[in-house]
Amino acid sequence: RNFWGYYVDASLPLIGEPRRYDRLRGVFTRPRFEEVNPQAGQWGWLEFAARWSWLTLNDYPTRGGSQGILGFALNWYPSPRLRATLQYQVGDIRL
């Protein structure tokens, strides 16, 4: 079978510096930041992210339909080893 799809992903830092691109690995990395310390004015790192994906499951003789998903996330990193995320996704499936 030959199913195909795509996705578009974007993020925006709200607190802290932007992500850096690691050319060796071909990925965006988390920036370095100070752990949460309200007395020093450090709140970790916060970003807003959005993603749109679409997939078709149609290939003769398979008629699986298509699926589109729109998602939003608010990611907070209070320390380099911990992440809290709030996500919302809405999808559309057509058979």
Protein backbone atom coordinates (compact mmCIF):
# COMPACT_ATOMS: atom_id res chain seq x y z
CA ARG A 1 0.00 0.00 0.00
CA ASN A 2 1.06 3.57 -0.67
CA PHE A 3 -0.39 5.87 1.99
CA TRP A 4 0.99 9.39 2.38
CA GLY A 5 0.65 12.53 4.43
CA TYR A 6 2.42 15.60 5.76
CA TYR A 7 2.70 17.83 8.80
CA VAL A 8 3.68 21.41 9.58
CA ASP A 9 5.06 22.23 13.02
CA ALA A 10 6.04 25.58 14.56
CA SER A 11 6.96 26.84 18.03
CA LEU A 12 7.48 30.22 19.62
CA PRO A 13 9.38 30.81 22.87
CA LEU A 14 7.40 32.92 25.33
CA ILE A 15 9.97 32.95 28.16
CA GLY A 16 13.63 32.43 27.32
CA GLU A 17 15.74 32.38 24.20
CA PRO A 18 14.81 30.55 20.98
CA ARG A 19 15.75 26.95 20.26
CA ARG A 20 19.09 26.38 18.55
CA TYR A 21 19.60 24.24 15.48
CA ASP A 22 22.13 21.41 15.80
CA ARG A 23 23.51 20.91 12.27
CA LEU A 24 25.33 17.71 13.20
CA ARG A 25 22.15 15.91 14.31
CA GLY A 26 19.72 17.93 12.16
CA VAL A 27 17.40 18.85 15.06
CA PHE A 28 16.35 21.87 17.10
CA THR A 29 17.55 21.63 20.71
CA ARG A 30 16.30 23.15 23.92
CA PRO A 31 18.20 26.28 24.90
CA ARG A 32 20.15 26.42 28.12
CA PHE A 33 18.32 28.19 30.91
CA GLU A 34 18.31 28.60 34.66
CA GLU A 35 15.98 26.48 36.79
CA VAL A 36 12.91 28.07 38.36
CA ASN A 37 13.88 30.50 41.10
CA PRO A 38 11.21 33.21 41.62
CA GLN A 39 13.43 35.17 44.02
CA ALA A 40 16.02 35.57 41.24
CA GLY A 41 13.38 36.20 38.56
CA GLN A 42 14.02 32.85 36.83
CA TRP A 43 10.91 31.08 35.53
CA GLY A 44 12.44 28.34 33.42
CA TRP A 45 11.54 28.20 29.75
CA LEU A 46 8.06 28.44 28.17
CA GLU A 47 7.02 27.89 24.56
CA PHE A 48 3.85 27.79 22.49
CA ALA A 49 3.71 25.13 19.75
CA ALA A 50 1.26 24.34 16.95
CA ARG A 51 1.01 21.45 14.50
CA TRP A 52 -1.19 20.56 11.52
CA SER A 53 -1.05 17.06 10.04
CA TRP A 54 -2.93 15.33 7.24
CA LEU A 55 -2.90 11.70 6.15
CA THR A 56 -4.66 9.78 3.39
CA LEU A 57 -5.37 6.09 3.76
CA ASN A 58 -6.63 5.62 0.20
CA ASP A 59 -4.79 3.29 -2.17
CA TYR A 60 -6.57 1.03 -4.62
CA PRO A 61 -8.27 -1.23 -3.49
CA THR A 62 -8.05 0.17 0.07
CA ARG A 63 -10.45 3.03 0.80
CA GLY A 64 -9.44 4.15 4.29
CA GLY A 65 -10.39 7.82 4.05
CA SER A 66 -8.33 10.74 5.32
CA GLN A 67 -7.47 12.34 8.64
CA GLY A 68 -6.49 15.90 9.56
CA ILE A 69 -5.39 16.98 13.05
CA LEU A 70 -4.76 20.48 14.39
CA GLY A 71 -2.93 20.63 17.72
CA PHE A 72 -1.71 23.30 20.12
CA ALA A 73 0.61 22.95 23.10
CA LEU A 74 2.00 25.08 25.89
CA ASN A 75 5.30 23.55 27.08
CA TRP A 76 6.97 24.69 30.31
CA TYR A 77 10.43 23.52 31.31
CA PRO A 78 11.03 24.42 34.99
CA SER A 79 14.37 22.58 34.85
CA PRO A 80 16.43 21.01 32.04
CA ARG A 81 15.19 17.52 33.00
CA LEU A 82 11.49 18.25 33.53
CA ARG A 83 8.70 19.35 31.18
CA ALA A 84 5.04 20.08 31.83
CA THR A 85 2.77 20.34 28.80
CA LEU A 86 -0.83 21.38 28.20
CA GLN A 87 -2.14 20.14 24.84
CA TYR A 88 -5.30 20.52 22.79
CA GLN A 89 -6.04 18.63 19.59
CA VAL A 90 -9.00 18.59 17.24
CA GLY A 91 -9.27 16.13 14.38
CA ASP A 92 -11.37 15.48 11.31
CA ILE A 93 -11.74 11.97 9.90
CA ARG A 94 -13.43 11.40 6.55
CA LEU A 95 -14.27 7.86 5.48
